[in-house]
Amino acid sequence: MVTLKCARGYTLTEMMIVVAILGILSTVGAQLMVQADRYWLLTSTRADLQKEARPIMYILTRNLRQAQSATIVIDRASSSQPFYTRITFTKIQGTSMTFHQNGNQLIQTVGTSTKILSKNVRYLSFNFPRSDDMTIISVAMTLEKSIYNGKKKALQMASEKVRVMN
């Protein structure tokens, strides 16, 4: 009587196919994970910059509206700074205010008190969009943060035509 043994296990071909499939999946999966991580990083950085920029623009525009138009001076804080990066004015209440860029910082000075509003300013500009009306001021600001591999994410905010009410 002949008995047949039932062969158990996998053949070499089956094992090679499984290893090839797992290799392809791990390669694609790793790339997908890197892309998902970068997307999350970009999205969260953009949200952080927006959360930082909105209150700054609100503070700038609110205080500019309360300025005395005859006291507004737009210049630069030092010769190492770009033109139009500092604005100085006196509010109706008599308080002297200055906003200016120093490196990548946005600095607010009220009287003798100084406060850093942001440490992510790439560009800041104040100007008069119309030469015949000095009660309208244009404010432009770009915030920038590093994200990965030396790359940076920037957010441009502009508030056109802030009307000085006094």
N, C-alpha and C. Protein backbone atom coordinates (compact mmCIF):
# COMPACT_ATOMS: atom_id res chain seq x y z
N MET A 1 0.83 -1.14 0.00
CA MET A 1 0.00 0.00 0.00
C MET A 1 0.90 1.24 0.00
N VAL A 2 0.54 2.16 -0.83
CA VAL A 2 1.32 3.39 -1.00
C VAL A 2 0.59 4.53 -0.29
N THR A 3 1.29 5.20 0.59
CA THR A 3 0.69 6.37 1.24
C THR A 3 1.35 7.63 0.70
N LEU A 4 0.53 8.58 0.43
CA LEU A 4 1.04 9.87 -0.06
C LEU A 4 1.11 10.84 1.11
N LYS A 5 2.24 11.49 1.17
CA LYS A 5 2.39 12.50 2.20
C LYS A 5 1.85 13.82 1.67
N CYS A 6 1.13 14.51 2.48
CA CYS A 6 0.60 15.82 2.10
C CYS A 6 1.71 16.85 2.32
N ALA A 7 2.10 17.55 1.28
CA ALA A 7 3.16 18.55 1.38
C ALA A 7 2.62 19.81 2.03
N ARG A 8 3.31 20.22 3.06
CA ARG A 8 2.90 21.45 3.75
C ARG A 8 4.00 22.49 3.58
N GLY A 9 3.59 23.81 3.69
CA GLY A 9 4.54 24.88 3.55
C GLY A 9 4.35 25.62 2.23
N TYR A 10 5.30 26.47 1.95
CA TYR A 10 5.21 27.31 0.75
C TYR A 10 6.37 26.97 -0.16
N THR A 11 6.12 27.17 -1.42
CA THR A 11 7.21 26.96 -2.38
C THR A 11 8.06 28.22 -2.42
N LEU A 12 9.22 28.10 -2.97
CA LEU A 12 10.13 29.24 -3.09
C LEU A 12 9.51 30.33 -3.96
N THR A 13 8.79 29.97 -4.99
CA THR A 13 8.16 30.94 -5.87
C THR A 13 7.11 31.75 -5.11
N GLU A 14 6.31 31.09 -4.31
CA GLU A 14 5.29 31.80 -3.52
C GLU A 14 5.94 32.78 -2.55
N MET A 15 7.01 32.36 -1.92
CA MET A 15 7.71 33.23 -0.97
C MET A 15 8.30 34.45 -1.68
N MET A 16 8.86 34.27 -2.87
CA MET A 16 9.44 35.39 -3.63
C MET A 16 8.36 36.38 -4.05
N ILE A 17 7.19 35.87 -4.43
CA ILE A 17 6.08 36.76 -4.82
C ILE A 17 5.62 37.58 -3.62
N VAL A 18 5.49 36.95 -2.45
CA VAL A 18 5.07 37.66 -1.24
C VAL A 18 6.10 38.73 -0.87
N VAL A 19 7.38 38.40 -0.93
CA VAL A 19 8.42 39.38 -0.59
C VAL A 19 8.39 40.55 -1.58
N ALA A 20 8.19 40.27 -2.87
CA ALA A 20 8.12 41.34 -3.87
C ALA A 20 6.92 42.25 -3.61
N ILE A 21 5.76 41.67 -3.31
CA ILE A 21 4.57 42.47 -3.02
C ILE A 21 4.77 43.32 -1.77
N LEU A 22 5.33 42.73 -0.72
CA LEU A 22 5.59 43.50 0.50
C LEU A 22 6.60 44.63 0.26
N GLY A 23 7.59 44.39 -0.57
CA GLY A 23 8.57 45.43 -0.90
C GLY A 23 7.93 46.60 -1.63
N ILE A 24 7.06 46.28 -2.58
CA ILE A 24 6.36 47.34 -3.32
C ILE A 24 5.44 48.13 -2.39
N LEU A 25 4.70 47.43 -1.56
CA LEU A 25 3.79 48.11 -0.62
C LEU A 25 4.55 48.99 0.37
N SER A 26 5.67 48.50 0.89
CA SER A 26 6.42 49.31 1.85
C SER A 26 7.04 50.54 1.19
N THR A 27 7.48 50.41 -0.06
CA THR A 27 8.03 51.56 -0.77
C THR A 27 6.96 52.60 -1.02
N VAL A 28 5.82 52.19 -1.51
CA VAL A 28 4.72 53.11 -1.77
C VAL A 28 4.17 53.68 -0.46
N GLY A 29 4.05 52.84 0.54
CA GLY A 29 3.52 53.28 1.84
C GLY A 29 4.41 54.32 2.49
N ALA A 30 5.72 54.14 2.41
CA ALA A 30 6.65 55.11 2.99
C ALA A 30 6.53 56.46 2.29
N GLN A 31 6.42 56.44 0.97
CA GLN A 31 6.27 57.69 0.22
C GLN A 31 4.95 58.38 0.57
N LEU A 32 3.90 57.60 0.72
CA LEU A 32 2.61 58.17 1.10
C LEU A 32 2.67 58.80 2.49
N MET A 33 3.36 58.14 3.40
CA MET A 33 3.49 58.68 4.75
C MET A 33 4.28 59.99 4.75
N VAL A 34 5.35 60.06 3.96
CA VAL A 34 6.15 61.28 3.87
C VAL A 34 5.29 62.40 3.29
N GLN A 35 4.55 62.12 2.21
CA GLN A 35 3.69 63.13 1.60
C GLN A 35 2.59 63.59 2.55
N ALA A 36 2.00 62.67 3.28
CA ALA A 36 0.96 63.04 4.24
C ALA A 36 1.54 63.91 5.36
N ASP A 37 2.74 63.58 5.81
CA ASP A 37 3.38 64.37 6.86
C ASP A 37 3.69 65.78 6.36
N ARG A 38 4.19 65.90 5.15
CA ARG A 38 4.49 67.21 4.58
C ARG A 38 3.22 68.03 4.39
N TYR A 39 2.16 67.40 3.93
CA TYR A 39 0.89 68.09 3.76
C TYR A 39 0.37 68.60 5.10
N TRP A 40 0.45 67.78 6.13
CA TRP A 40 0.00 68.20 7.45
C TRP A 40 0.85 69.36 7.95
N LEU A 41 2.17 69.29 7.73
CA LEU A 41 3.07 70.34 8.17
C LEU A 41 2.77 71.66 7.46
N LEU A 42 2.55 71.61 6.14
CA LEU A 42 2.21 72.82 5.39
C LEU A 42 0.89 73.41 5.86
N THR A 43 -0.10 72.57 6.04
CA THR A 43 -1.42 73.03 6.45
C THR A 43 -1.38 73.63 7.85
N SER A 44 -0.71 72.99 8.77
CA SER A 44 -0.64 73.52 10.13
C SER A 44 0.19 74.80 10.18
N THR A 45 1.25 74.90 9.38
CA THR A 45 2.05 76.12 9.34
C THR A 45 1.23 77.28 8.77
N ARG A 46 0.48 77.01 7.70
CA ARG A 46 -0.38 78.05 7.13
C ARG A 46 -1.41 78.53 8.14
N ALA A 47 -2.01 77.60 8.86
CA ALA A 47 -2.99 77.96 9.88
C ALA A 47 -2.34 78.77 11.01
N ASP A 48 -1.14 78.39 11.43
CA ASP A 48 -0.42 79.13 12.46
C ASP A 48 -0.11 80.56 12.01
N LEU A 49 0.34 80.70 10.76
CA LEU A 49 0.65 82.03 10.24
C LEU A 49 -0.61 82.89 10.15
N GLN A 50 -1.72 82.30 9.74
CA GLN A 50 -2.97 83.05 9.67
C GLN A 50 -3.43 83.47 11.07
N LYS A 51 -3.29 82.58 12.04
CA LYS A 51 -3.66 82.91 13.42
C LYS A 51 -2.79 84.04 13.97
N GLU A 52 -1.56 84.10 13.52
CA GLU A 52 -0.65 85.15 13.97
C GLU A 52 -0.90 86.46 13.22
N ALA A 53 -1.19 86.38 11.93
CA ALA A 53 -1.32 87.58 11.09
C ALA A 53 -2.61 88.34 11.34
N ARG A 54 -3.70 87.66 11.55
CA ARG A 54 -4.99 88.35 11.71
C ARG A 54 -5.02 89.32 12.88
N PRO A 55 -4.60 88.91 14.09
CA PRO A 55 -4.61 89.89 15.18
C PRO A 55 -3.63 91.05 14.96
N ILE A 56 -2.51 90.77 14.31
CA ILE A 56 -1.54 91.84 14.04
C ILE A 56 -2.16 92.87 13.11
N MET A 57 -2.80 92.41 12.04
CA MET A 57 -3.43 93.35 11.10
C MET A 57 -4.56 94.11 11.79
N TYR A 58 -5.27 93.45 12.69
CA TYR A 58 -6.34 94.13 13.43
C TYR A 58 -5.76 95.24 14.30
N ILE A 59 -4.68 94.95 15.02
CA ILE A 59 -4.03 95.95 15.88
C ILE A 59 -3.53 97.12 15.04
N LEU A 60 -2.87 96.81 13.92
CA LEU A 60 -2.36 97.88 13.06
C LEU A 60 -3.48 98.78 12.54
N THR A 61 -4.49 98.18 11.95
CA THR A 61 -5.55 98.98 11.34
C THR A 61 -6.37 99.73 12.39
N ARG A 62 -6.64 99.11 13.53
CA ARG A 62 -7.41 99.77 14.59
C ARG A 62 -6.68 101.02 15.08
N ASN A 63 -5.37 100.89 15.30
CA ASN A 63 -4.61 102.03 15.79
C ASN A 63 -4.41 103.09 14.72
N LEU A 64 -4.24 102.68 13.46
CA LEU A 64 -4.09 103.67 12.38
C LEU A 64 -5.37 104.48 12.20
N ARG A 65 -6.51 103.87 12.38
CA ARG A 65 -7.77 104.61 12.25
C ARG A 65 -7.90 105.70 13.33
N GLN A 66 -7.24 105.50 14.46
CA GLN A 66 -7.32 106.46 15.55
C GLN A 66 -6.18 107.49 15.51
N ALA A 67 -5.37 107.45 14.46
CA ALA A 67 -4.23 108.37 14.36
C ALA A 67 -4.68 109.76 13.94
N GLN A 68 -3.87 110.75 14.31
CA GLN A 68 -4.06 112.11 13.80
C GLN A 68 -3.29 112.17 12.49
N SER A 69 -3.98 112.45 11.39
CA SER A 69 -3.35 112.36 10.07
C SER A 69 -2.15 113.28 9.92
N ALA A 70 -2.14 114.41 10.61
CA ALA A 70 -1.02 115.34 10.49
C ALA A 70 0.25 114.82 11.16
N THR A 71 0.14 113.79 12.00
CA THR A 71 1.31 113.29 12.74
C THR A 71 1.92 112.04 12.13
N ILE A 72 1.36 111.53 11.05
CA ILE A 72 1.84 110.26 10.47
C ILE A 72 3.15 110.47 9.72
N VAL A 73 4.14 109.66 10.08
CA VAL A 73 5.44 109.68 9.41
C VAL A 73 5.78 108.25 9.03
N ILE A 74 6.07 108.04 7.74
CA ILE A 74 6.48 106.72 7.25
C ILE A 74 7.93 106.82 6.80
N ASP A 75 8.78 105.99 7.38
CA ASP A 75 10.20 105.98 7.04
C ASP A 75 10.78 104.61 7.35
N ARG A 76 12.05 104.54 7.68
CA ARG A 76 12.65 103.28 8.10
C ARG A 76 13.39 103.50 9.41
N ALA A 77 13.47 102.44 10.20
CA ALA A 77 14.07 102.54 11.53
C ALA A 77 15.57 102.79 11.48
N SER A 78 16.25 102.20 10.50
CA SER A 78 17.70 102.39 10.35
C SER A 78 18.06 102.20 8.89
N SER A 79 19.29 102.53 8.55
CA SER A 79 19.72 102.41 7.15
C SER A 79 19.84 100.95 6.70
N SER A 80 19.85 100.02 7.66
CA SER A 80 19.91 98.60 7.29
C SER A 80 18.53 98.03 6.98
N GLN A 81 17.47 98.78 7.29
CA GLN A 81 16.10 98.33 7.03
C GLN A 81 15.61 98.88 5.70
N PRO A 82 14.69 98.17 5.06
CA PRO A 82 14.11 98.69 3.82
C PRO A 82 13.28 99.95 4.08
N PHE A 83 13.06 100.74 3.04
CA PHE A 83 12.22 101.92 3.16
C PHE A 83 10.78 101.51 3.47
N TYR A 84 10.04 102.41 4.07
CA TYR A 84 8.61 102.26 4.36
C TYR A 84 8.31 101.14 5.36
N THR A 85 9.25 100.82 6.24
CA THR A 85 9.04 99.74 7.20
C THR A 85 8.74 100.24 8.62
N ARG A 86 8.60 101.55 8.76
CA ARG A 86 8.26 102.10 10.07
C ARG A 86 7.21 103.18 9.90
N ILE A 87 6.22 103.16 10.78
CA ILE A 87 5.21 104.21 10.80
C ILE A 87 5.12 104.73 12.23
N THR A 88 5.12 106.05 12.34
CA THR A 88 5.02 106.71 13.63
C THR A 88 3.86 107.69 13.57
N PHE A 89 3.06 107.73 14.61
CA PHE A 89 1.93 108.66 14.64
C PHE A 89 1.50 108.89 16.08
N THR A 90 0.64 109.88 16.24
CA THR A 90 0.06 110.19 17.54
C THR A 90 -1.44 109.94 17.43
N LYS A 91 -1.97 109.20 18.39
CA LYS A 91 -3.40 108.93 18.40
C LYS A 91 -4.16 110.14 18.94
N ILE A 92 -5.47 110.12 18.80
CA ILE A 92 -6.33 111.21 19.27
C ILE A 92 -6.11 111.47 20.76
N GLN A 93 -5.92 110.39 21.51
CA GLN A 93 -5.74 110.51 22.96
C GLN A 93 -4.39 111.12 23.33
N GLY A 94 -3.51 111.34 22.35
CA GLY A 94 -2.19 111.91 22.61
C GLY A 94 -1.09 110.89 22.76
N THR A 95 -1.41 109.62 22.62
CA THR A 95 -0.43 108.55 22.76
C THR A 95 0.41 108.44 21.48
N SER A 96 1.70 108.42 21.63
CA SER A 96 2.61 108.25 20.50
C SER A 96 2.77 106.75 20.22
N MET A 97 2.64 106.35 18.95
CA MET A 97 2.76 104.93 18.58
C MET A 97 3.74 104.78 17.42
N THR A 98 4.45 103.67 17.44
CA THR A 98 5.35 103.30 16.35
C THR A 98 5.22 101.82 16.09
N PHE A 99 5.14 101.47 14.82
CA PHE A 99 5.22 100.07 14.38
C PHE A 99 6.39 100.01 13.41
N HIS A 100 7.29 99.05 13.61
CA HIS A 100 8.40 98.92 12.66
C HIS A 100 8.94 97.50 12.64
N GLN A 101 9.64 97.22 11.55
CA GLN A 101 10.28 95.92 11.37
C GLN A 101 11.74 96.05 11.78
N ASN A 102 12.20 95.09 12.57
CA ASN A 102 13.61 95.02 12.94
C ASN A 102 14.05 93.58 12.70
N GLY A 103 14.75 93.33 11.62
CA GLY A 103 15.08 91.95 11.23
C GLY A 103 13.80 91.23 10.87
N ASN A 104 13.49 90.17 11.57
CA ASN A 104 12.23 89.45 11.30
C ASN A 104 11.21 89.67 12.42
N GLN A 105 11.40 90.73 13.17
CA GLN A 105 10.47 91.06 14.26
C GLN A 105 9.61 92.26 13.89
N LEU A 106 8.35 92.22 14.28
CA LEU A 106 7.47 93.37 14.18
C LEU A 106 7.33 93.94 15.58
N ILE A 107 7.73 95.18 15.73
CA ILE A 107 7.79 95.80 17.05
C ILE A 107 6.77 96.94 17.13
N GLN A 108 6.03 96.94 18.23
CA GLN A 108 5.06 98.00 18.51
C GLN A 108 5.59 98.78 19.71
N THR A 109 5.65 100.11 19.57
CA THR A 109 6.06 100.97 20.67
C THR A 109 4.91 101.92 20.97
N VAL A 110 4.44 101.88 22.21
CA VAL A 110 3.39 102.78 22.67
C VAL A 110 4.01 103.62 23.78
N GLY A 111 4.21 104.90 23.49
CA GLY A 111 4.91 105.77 24.45
C GLY A 111 6.33 105.28 24.62
N THR A 112 6.66 104.77 25.81
CA THR A 112 8.00 104.24 26.06
C THR A 112 7.99 102.72 26.18
N SER A 113 6.82 102.11 26.07
CA SER A 113 6.68 100.66 26.19
C SER A 113 6.83 99.99 24.82
N THR A 114 7.65 98.96 24.78
CA THR A 114 7.90 98.24 23.52
C THR A 114 7.42 96.80 23.65
N LYS A 115 6.80 96.32 22.58
CA LYS A 115 6.26 94.96 22.56
C LYS A 115 6.54 94.33 21.20
N ILE A 116 6.98 93.07 21.19
CA ILE A 116 7.19 92.34 19.94
C ILE A 116 5.88 91.66 19.57
N LEU A 117 5.32 92.03 18.42
CA LEU A 117 4.07 91.44 17.96
C LEU A 117 4.29 90.14 17.20
N SER A 118 5.42 90.03 16.51
CA SER A 118 5.71 88.81 15.74
C SER A 118 7.21 88.65 15.58
N LYS A 119 7.62 87.39 15.49
CA LYS A 119 9.03 87.08 15.20
C LYS A 119 9.16 86.40 13.84
N ASN A 120 8.11 86.48 13.03
CA ASN A 120 8.10 85.80 11.74
C ASN A 120 7.88 86.75 10.57
N VAL A 121 8.21 88.03 10.72
CA VAL A 121 7.96 88.99 9.65
C VAL A 121 9.06 88.92 8.61
N ARG A 122 8.68 88.70 7.40
CA ARG A 122 9.63 88.70 6.28
C ARG A 122 9.63 90.06 5.60
N TYR A 123 8.45 90.68 5.51
CA TYR A 123 8.31 91.95 4.80
C TYR A 123 7.21 92.77 5.45
N LEU A 124 7.45 94.05 5.60
CA LEU A 124 6.46 94.96 6.15
C LEU A 124 6.57 96.27 5.39
N SER A 125 5.42 96.83 5.01
CA SER A 125 5.45 98.07 4.26
C SER A 125 4.23 98.91 4.59
N PHE A 126 4.47 100.20 4.78
CA PHE A 126 3.42 101.19 4.95
C PHE A 126 3.60 102.21 3.84
N ASN A 127 2.53 102.60 3.18
CA ASN A 127 2.64 103.67 2.19
C ASN A 127 1.30 104.35 1.97
N PHE A 128 1.37 105.49 1.31
CA PHE A 128 0.18 106.24 0.93
C PHE A 128 -0.16 105.86 -0.51
N PRO A 129 -1.25 105.15 -0.76
CA PRO A 129 -1.55 104.73 -2.13
C PRO A 129 -1.93 105.89 -3.05
N ARG A 130 -2.37 106.99 -2.46
CA ARG A 130 -2.73 108.17 -3.26
C ARG A 130 -1.93 109.36 -2.75
N SER A 131 -1.29 110.06 -3.63
CA SER A 131 -0.48 111.20 -3.21
C SER A 131 -1.33 112.42 -2.86
N ASP A 132 -2.59 112.43 -3.26
CA ASP A 132 -3.44 113.58 -2.97
C ASP A 132 -4.26 113.41 -1.69
N ASP A 133 -4.18 112.23 -1.05
CA ASP A 133 -4.96 111.98 0.17
C ASP A 133 -4.07 111.26 1.18
N MET A 134 -3.61 112.00 2.18
CA MET A 134 -2.71 111.44 3.19
C MET A 134 -3.47 110.81 4.36
N THR A 135 -4.77 110.60 4.20
CA THR A 135 -5.54 109.94 5.25
C THR A 135 -5.82 108.48 4.92
N ILE A 136 -5.27 108.02 3.82
CA ILE A 136 -5.42 106.62 3.44
C ILE A 136 -4.04 105.97 3.45
N ILE A 137 -3.92 104.88 4.19
CA ILE A 137 -2.63 104.20 4.31
C ILE A 137 -2.80 102.74 3.90
N SER A 138 -1.86 102.25 3.13
CA SER A 138 -1.84 100.86 2.73
C SER A 138 -0.81 100.12 3.59
N VAL A 139 -1.22 98.97 4.12
CA VAL A 139 -0.33 98.15 4.96
C VAL A 139 -0.17 96.80 4.28
N ALA A 140 1.06 96.37 4.10
CA ALA A 140 1.34 95.04 3.54
C ALA A 140 2.34 94.34 4.46
N MET A 141 2.08 93.05 4.67
CA MET A 141 2.94 92.28 5.57
C MET A 141 3.04 90.85 5.07
N THR A 142 4.22 90.30 5.12
CA THR A 142 4.44 88.89 4.79
C THR A 142 5.07 88.22 6.00
N LEU A 143 4.43 87.16 6.45
CA LEU A 143 4.97 86.35 7.53
C LEU A 143 5.55 85.08 6.93
N GLU A 144 6.61 84.56 7.52
CA GLU A 144 7.29 83.38 6.96
C GLU A 144 7.80 82.50 8.08
N LYS A 145 7.64 81.18 7.90
CA LYS A 145 8.14 80.19 8.86
C LYS A 145 8.87 79.09 8.11
N SER A 146 9.89 78.53 8.73
CA SER A 146 10.58 77.37 8.16
C SER A 146 9.73 76.13 8.37
N ILE A 147 9.75 75.23 7.38
CA ILE A 147 8.95 74.02 7.52
C ILE A 147 9.82 72.76 7.50
N TYR A 148 10.41 72.40 6.39
CA TYR A 148 11.25 71.20 6.33
C TYR A 148 12.27 71.36 5.22
N ASN A 149 13.37 70.67 5.35
CA ASN A 149 14.44 70.65 4.35
C ASN A 149 14.86 72.06 3.93
N GLY A 150 14.88 72.99 4.84
CA GLY A 150 15.28 74.36 4.51
C GLY A 150 14.23 75.15 3.76
N LYS A 151 13.06 74.59 3.56
CA LYS A 151 11.99 75.29 2.84
C LYS A 151 11.20 76.13 3.82
N LYS A 152 10.53 77.14 3.27
CA LYS A 152 9.76 78.05 4.10
C LYS A 152 8.37 78.22 3.54
N LYS A 153 7.45 78.51 4.42
CA LYS A 153 6.06 78.80 4.05
C LYS A 153 5.81 80.26 4.35
N ALA A 154 5.28 81.01 3.39
CA ALA A 154 5.02 82.43 3.57
C ALA A 154 3.54 82.71 3.42
N LEU A 155 3.09 83.75 4.12
CA LEU A 155 1.71 84.19 4.05
C LEU A 155 1.71 85.70 3.86
N GLN A 156 1.11 86.16 2.78
CA GLN A 156 1.03 87.59 2.48
C GLN A 156 -0.30 88.13 2.97
N MET A 157 -0.25 89.18 3.76
CA MET A 157 -1.45 89.86 4.24
C MET A 157 -1.36 91.32 3.79
N ALA A 158 -2.44 91.85 3.28
CA ALA A 158 -2.46 93.26 2.88
C ALA A 158 -3.77 93.88 3.32
N SER A 159 -3.67 95.07 3.81
CA SER A 159 -4.86 95.82 4.18
C SER A 159 -4.82 97.11 3.39
N GLU A 160 -5.51 97.14 2.31
CA GLU A 160 -5.52 98.31 1.46
C GLU A 160 -6.46 99.36 2.02
N LYS A 161 -6.05 100.58 1.91
CA LYS A 161 -6.90 101.73 2.20
C LYS A 161 -7.45 101.76 3.63
N VAL A 162 -6.55 101.77 4.57
CA VAL A 162 -6.95 102.00 5.95
C VAL A 162 -7.17 103.52 6.06
N ARG A 163 -8.38 103.91 6.36
CA ARG A 163 -8.69 105.33 6.44
C ARG A 163 -8.45 105.85 7.84
N VAL A 164 -7.60 106.88 7.91
CA VAL A 164 -7.36 107.56 9.18
C VAL A 164 -8.55 108.45 9.42
N MET A 165 -9.18 108.30 10.57
CA MET A 165 -10.45 108.99 10.82
C MET A 165 -10.30 110.41 11.35
N ASN A 166 -9.09 110.85 11.65
CA ASN A 166 -8.92 112.19 12.24
C ASN A 166 -7.90 113.01 11.47
